[in-house]
Amino acid sequence: MMRRMVLGALLACACLGAQAHRFHAGITDISFNPGTGSIEVVHTYMAHDIEALLANLYQRQFDLSDPQDEAVLRKYVDKQFYLLAADKSRLPLRWVGVTANVESVVIYQEIEKTPLASAVRVHDEVLSDFLPDQVNTVNVNHGGKIGTLIFDRSRTEQPLP
């Protein structure tokens, strides 16, 4: 009996330790593709965070290889992430697709036939509306020069570097 209690206490401590080291982060890369003349946006998030978000919003499991489930994620991302032009209008981000595995969800978007200079601000609230400690890093590649922005619950919109 004592052995079971000690084992239980050790497992509880291990679970608490694992939870304490858990973090929530996303990375977005924005760049201009001279071959297509388009702005390309690639987001990478932890799969368990995306799964938890969708399950919380819709009380069911999602399979991102299903086009209907992918559409739900697309609707969410379109609302939470966008680029703004100088006149404060949203630039038309086109959903290219998503890939998912047990570790990550990668989302591909583009703004066709648009120079990177057309985007002056970025808005990023992906997952920060759901996870209070979510931190999103946005890297902007201006012809080999990388500028980085950090977004969290208190910083949701910033000028592009």
C-alpha atoms as a PDB file:
ATOM      1  CA  MET A   1       0.000   0.000   0.000  1.00  0.00           C
ATOM      2  CA  MET A   2       2.783   2.426   0.929  1.00  0.00           C
ATOM      3  CA  ARG A   3       4.561   1.557  -2.296  1.00  0.00           C
ATOM      4  CA  ARG A   4       1.453   2.517  -4.320  1.00  0.00           C
ATOM      5  CA  MET A   5       1.161   5.853  -2.507  1.00  0.00           C
ATOM      6  CA  VAL A   6       4.810   6.681  -3.176  1.00  0.00           C
ATOM      7  CA  LEU A   7       4.451   5.691  -6.835  1.00  0.00           C
ATOM      8  CA  GLY A   8       1.292   7.801  -7.097  1.00  0.00           C
ATOM      9  CA  ALA A   9       3.041  10.801  -5.552  1.00  0.00           C
ATOM     10  CA  LEU A  10       5.983  10.425  -7.936  1.00  0.00           C
ATOM     11  CA  LEU A  11       3.664  10.249 -10.941  1.00  0.00           C
ATOM     12  CA  ALA A  12       1.760  13.316  -9.746  1.00  0.00           C
ATOM     13  CA  CYS A  13       5.004  15.255  -9.373  1.00  0.00           C
ATOM     14  CA  ALA A  14       6.169  14.151 -12.812  1.00  0.00           C
ATOM     15  CA  CYS A  15       2.887  15.330 -14.341  1.00  0.00           C
ATOM     16  CA  LEU A  16       3.156  18.699 -12.595  1.00  0.00           C
ATOM     17  CA  GLY A  17       6.712  19.108 -13.816  1.00  0.00           C
ATOM     18  CA  ALA A  18       5.751  18.318 -17.382  1.00  0.00           C
ATOM     19  CA  GLN A  19       2.909  20.820 -17.222  1.00  0.00           C
ATOM     20  CA  ALA A  20       5.158  23.532 -15.782  1.00  0.00           C
ATOM     21  CA  HIS A  21       7.564  23.233 -18.735  1.00  0.00           C
ATOM     22  CA  ARG A  22       4.879  23.235 -21.383  1.00  0.00           C
ATOM     23  CA  PHE A  23       4.871  26.299 -23.623  1.00  0.00           C
ATOM     24  CA  HIS A  24       2.665  27.575 -26.422  1.00  0.00           C
ATOM     25  CA  ALA A  25       4.362  29.055 -29.463  1.00  0.00           C
ATOM     26  CA  GLY A  26       3.847  29.607 -33.141  1.00  0.00           C
ATOM     27  CA  ILE A  27       6.184  30.734 -35.906  1.00  0.00           C
ATOM     28  CA  THR A  28       5.149  32.552 -39.070  1.00  0.00           C
ATOM     29  CA  ASP A  29       7.477  33.282 -41.969  1.00  0.00           C
ATOM     30  CA  ILE A  30       6.529  36.020 -44.443  1.00  0.00           C
ATOM     31  CA  SER A  31       8.544  36.488 -47.620  1.00  0.00           C
ATOM     32  CA  PHE A  32       8.276  37.627 -51.220  1.00  0.00           C
ATOM     33  CA  ASN A  33       8.706  35.041 -53.960  1.00  0.00           C
ATOM     34  CA  PRO A  34      10.185  36.813 -57.008  1.00  0.00           C
ATOM     35  CA  GLY A  35       9.375  33.804 -59.207  1.00  0.00           C
ATOM     36  CA  THR A  36       5.629  34.110 -58.630  1.00  0.00           C
ATOM     37  CA  GLY A  37       5.511  37.796 -57.666  1.00  0.00           C
ATOM     38  CA  SER A  38       3.566  36.828 -54.537  1.00  0.00           C
ATOM     39  CA  ILE A  39       3.862  37.273 -50.784  1.00  0.00           C
ATOM     40  CA  GLU A  40       4.124  33.845 -49.147  1.00  0.00           C
ATOM     41  CA  VAL A  41       3.063  33.186 -45.554  1.00  0.00           C
ATOM     42  CA  VAL A  42       3.882  29.952 -43.712  1.00  0.00           C
ATOM     43  CA  HIS A  43       2.581  29.378 -40.169  1.00  0.00           C
ATOM     44  CA  THR A  44       3.765  26.547 -37.900  1.00  0.00           C
ATOM     45  CA  TYR A  45       1.919  25.681 -34.682  1.00  0.00           C
ATOM     46  CA  MET A  46       2.075  22.827 -32.210  1.00  0.00           C
ATOM     47  CA  ALA A  47      -0.467  20.190 -33.216  1.00  0.00           C
ATOM     48  CA  HIS A  48      -1.766  19.675 -29.677  1.00  0.00           C
ATOM     49  CA  ASP A  49      -2.562  23.418 -29.392  1.00  0.00           C
ATOM     50  CA  ILE A  50      -4.524  23.465 -32.667  1.00  0.00           C
ATOM     51  CA  GLU A  51      -6.351  20.261 -31.687  1.00  0.00           C
ATOM     52  CA  ALA A  52      -7.253  21.690 -28.263  1.00  0.00           C
ATOM     53  CA  LEU A  53      -8.491  24.942 -29.806  1.00  0.00           C
ATOM     54  CA  LEU A  54     -10.742  23.241 -32.338  1.00  0.00           C
ATOM     55  CA  ALA A  55     -12.054  20.713 -29.811  1.00  0.00           C
ATOM     56  CA  ASN A  56     -12.824  23.564 -27.403  1.00  0.00           C
ATOM     57  CA  LEU A  57     -14.615  25.630 -30.061  1.00  0.00           C
ATOM     58  CA  TYR A  58     -16.644  22.788 -31.576  1.00  0.00           C
ATOM     59  CA  GLN A  59     -16.687  20.014 -28.913  1.00  0.00           C
ATOM     60  CA  ARG A  60     -15.457  17.347 -31.324  1.00  0.00           C
ATOM     61  CA  GLN A  61     -12.281  15.875 -32.750  1.00  0.00           C
ATOM     62  CA  PHE A  62     -10.907  17.189 -36.047  1.00  0.00           C
ATOM     63  CA  ASP A  63      -9.105  15.540 -38.935  1.00  0.00           C
ATOM     64  CA  LEU A  64      -7.311  18.224 -40.932  1.00  0.00           C
ATOM     65  CA  SER A  65      -7.021  15.894 -43.925  1.00  0.00           C
ATOM     66  CA  ASP A  66     -10.827  16.220 -44.239  1.00  0.00           C
ATOM     67  CA  PRO A  67     -11.670  19.273 -46.421  1.00  0.00           C
ATOM     68  CA  GLN A  68     -14.587  20.269 -44.164  1.00  0.00           C
ATOM     69  CA  ASP A  69     -12.404  20.195 -41.044  1.00  0.00           C
ATOM     70  CA  GLU A  70      -9.658  22.099 -42.875  1.00  0.00           C
ATOM     71  CA  ALA A  71     -12.279  24.749 -43.770  1.00  0.00           C
ATOM     72  CA  VAL A  72     -13.032  25.242 -40.057  1.00  0.00           C
ATOM     73  CA  LEU A  73      -9.346  25.891 -39.344  1.00  0.00           C
ATOM     74  CA  ARG A  74      -9.142  28.191 -42.364  1.00  0.00           C
ATOM     75  CA  LYS A  75     -12.059  30.287 -41.109  1.00  0.00           C
ATOM     76  CA  TYR A  76     -10.379  30.659 -37.713  1.00  0.00           C
ATOM     77  CA  VAL A  77      -6.945  31.593 -39.140  1.00  0.00           C
ATOM     78  CA  ASP A  78      -8.482  34.060 -41.620  1.00  0.00           C
ATOM     79  CA  LYS A  79     -10.119  35.849 -38.684  1.00  0.00           C
ATOM     80  CA  GLN A  80      -7.041  35.834 -36.442  1.00  0.00           C
ATOM     81  CA  PHE A  81      -4.186  36.568 -38.881  1.00  0.00           C
ATOM     82  CA  TYR A  82      -4.027  39.162 -41.626  1.00  0.00           C
ATOM     83  CA  LEU A  83      -1.799  41.713 -43.319  1.00  0.00           C
ATOM     84  CA  LEU A  84      -2.867  45.327 -43.738  1.00  0.00           C
ATOM     85  CA  ALA A  85      -2.117  47.768 -46.542  1.00  0.00           C
ATOM     86  CA  ALA A  86      -1.253  51.440 -45.957  1.00  0.00           C
ATOM     87  CA  ASP A  87      -4.963  52.356 -46.232  1.00  0.00           C
ATOM     88  CA  LYS A  88      -5.681  49.865 -43.386  1.00  0.00           C
ATOM     89  CA  SER A  89      -7.519  47.458 -45.706  1.00  0.00           C
ATOM     90  CA  ARG A  90      -6.813  43.744 -45.435  1.00  0.00           C
ATOM     91  CA  LEU A  91      -4.685  42.293 -48.173  1.00  0.00           C
ATOM     92  CA  PRO A  92      -6.350  39.231 -49.776  1.00  0.00           C
ATOM     93  CA  LEU A  93      -4.593  36.236 -48.202  1.00  0.00           C
ATOM     94  CA  ARG A  94      -5.378  33.102 -50.193  1.00  0.00           C
ATOM     95  CA  TRP A  95      -5.389  29.760 -48.377  1.00  0.00           C
ATOM     96  CA  VAL A  96      -2.995  27.418 -50.166  1.00  0.00           C
ATOM     97  CA  GLY A  97      -3.256  24.437 -47.816  1.00  0.00           C
ATOM     98  CA  VAL A  98      -2.275  22.744 -44.591  1.00  0.00           C
ATOM     99  CA  THR A  99      -0.089  19.828 -43.571  1.00  0.00           C
ATOM    100  CA  ALA A 100      -0.351  18.184 -40.184  1.00  0.00           C
ATOM    101  CA  ASN A 101       1.429  15.496 -38.230  1.00  0.00           C
ATOM    102  CA  VAL A 102       1.523  14.536 -34.549  1.00  0.00           C
ATOM    103  CA  GLU A 103       3.917  17.372 -33.728  1.00  0.00           C
ATOM    104  CA  SER A 104       2.925  20.332 -35.880  1.00  0.00           C
ATOM    105  CA  VAL A 105       0.362  21.965 -38.119  1.00  0.00           C
ATOM    106  CA  VAL A 106       1.788  23.985 -41.015  1.00  0.00           C
ATOM    107  CA  ILE A 107      -0.505  26.419 -42.844  1.00  0.00           C
ATOM    108  CA  TYR A 108       0.349  27.934 -46.233  1.00  0.00           C
ATOM    109  CA  GLN A 109      -1.114  31.209 -47.504  1.00  0.00           C
ATOM    110  CA  GLU A 110      -0.201  33.717 -50.202  1.00  0.00           C
ATOM    111  CA  ILE A 111      -1.112  37.108 -51.551  1.00  0.00           C
ATOM    112  CA  GLU A 112      -0.862  36.718 -55.289  1.00  0.00           C
ATOM    113  CA  LYS A 113       0.974  39.206 -57.499  1.00  0.00           C
ATOM    114  CA  THR A 114       1.663  41.591 -54.626  1.00  0.00           C
ATOM    115  CA  PRO A 115       5.010  43.050 -53.548  1.00  0.00           C
ATOM    116  CA  LEU A 116       5.942  42.755 -49.888  1.00  0.00           C
ATOM    117  CA  ALA A 117       6.063  46.564 -49.643  1.00  0.00           C
ATOM    118  CA  SER A 118       2.242  46.552 -50.005  1.00  0.00           C
ATOM    119  CA  ALA A 119       1.944  45.083 -46.501  1.00  0.00           C
ATOM    120  CA  VAL A 120       2.616  47.632 -43.770  1.00  0.00           C
ATOM    121  CA  ARG A 121       1.089  45.998 -40.671  1.00  0.00           C
ATOM    122  CA  VAL A 122       0.528  42.478 -39.421  1.00  0.00           C
ATOM    123  CA  HIS A 123      -2.259  41.312 -37.106  1.00  0.00           C
ATOM    124  CA  ASP A 124      -1.676  38.005 -35.312  1.00  0.00           C
ATOM    125  CA  GLU A 125      -4.022  36.596 -32.678  1.00  0.00           C
ATOM    126  CA  VAL A 126      -3.747  32.928 -33.666  1.00  0.00           C
ATOM    127  CA  LEU A 127      -4.176  30.858 -30.502  1.00  0.00           C
ATOM    128  CA  SER A 128      -3.537  33.842 -28.183  1.00  0.00           C
ATOM    129  CA  ASP A 129      -7.303  34.254 -27.810  1.00  0.00           C
ATOM    130  CA  PHE A 130      -7.415  30.668 -26.499  1.00  0.00           C
ATOM    131  CA  LEU A 131      -4.084  30.196 -24.707  1.00  0.00           C
ATOM    132  CA  PRO A 132      -3.136  33.079 -22.396  1.00  0.00           C
ATOM    133  CA  ASP A 133       0.598  32.344 -22.660  1.00  0.00           C
ATOM    134  CA  GLN A 134       0.685  31.837 -26.456  1.00  0.00           C
ATOM    135  CA  VAL A 135       3.605  33.642 -28.125  1.00  0.00           C
ATOM    136  CA  ASN A 136       3.753  33.981 -31.904  1.00  0.00           C
ATOM    137  CA  THR A 137       6.980  34.924 -33.657  1.00  0.00           C
ATOM    138  CA  VAL A 138       6.665  36.465 -37.112  1.00  0.00           C
ATOM    139  CA  ASN A 139       9.799  36.566 -39.267  1.00  0.00           C
ATOM    140  CA  VAL A 140       9.665  38.892 -42.267  1.00  0.00           C
ATOM    141  CA  ASN A 141      12.244  38.290 -44.989  1.00  0.00           C
ATOM    142  CA  HIS A 142      12.921  41.471 -47.012  1.00  0.00           C
ATOM    143  CA  GLY A 143      15.284  40.155 -49.688  1.00  0.00           C
ATOM    144  CA  GLY A 144      17.523  38.299 -47.248  1.00  0.00           C
ATOM    145  CA  LYS A 145      17.199  40.782 -44.378  1.00  0.00           C
ATOM    146  CA  ILE A 146      15.083  39.230 -41.616  1.00  0.00           C
ATOM    147  CA  GLY A 147      12.988  41.310 -39.238  1.00  0.00           C
ATOM    148  CA  THR A 148      11.220  39.656 -36.305  1.00  0.00           C
ATOM    149  CA  LEU A 149       8.017  40.575 -34.473  1.00  0.00           C
ATOM    150  CA  ILE A 150       6.695  38.981 -31.288  1.00  0.00           C
ATOM    151  CA  PHE A 151       2.934  38.747 -30.689  1.00  0.00           C
ATOM    152  CA  ASP A 152       1.054  37.730 -27.576  1.00  0.00           C
ATOM    153  CA  ARG A 153      -2.286  38.467 -25.961  1.00  0.00           C
ATOM    154  CA  SER A 154      -1.252  42.084 -25.260  1.00  0.00           C
ATOM    155  CA  ARG A 155       0.424  42.723 -28.660  1.00  0.00           C
ATOM    156  CA  THR A 156      -1.818  41.710 -31.556  1.00  0.00           C
ATOM    157  CA  GLU A 157      -0.940  44.218 -34.271  1.00  0.00           C
ATOM    158  CA  GLN A 158       2.388  45.763 -35.257  1.00  0.00           C
ATOM    159  CA  PRO A 159       4.040  47.476 -38.226  1.00  0.00           C
ATOM    160  CA  LEU A 160       6.134  45.221 -40.438  1.00  0.00           C
ATOM    161  CA  PRO A 161       9.857  45.640 -39.777  1.00  0.00           C
END
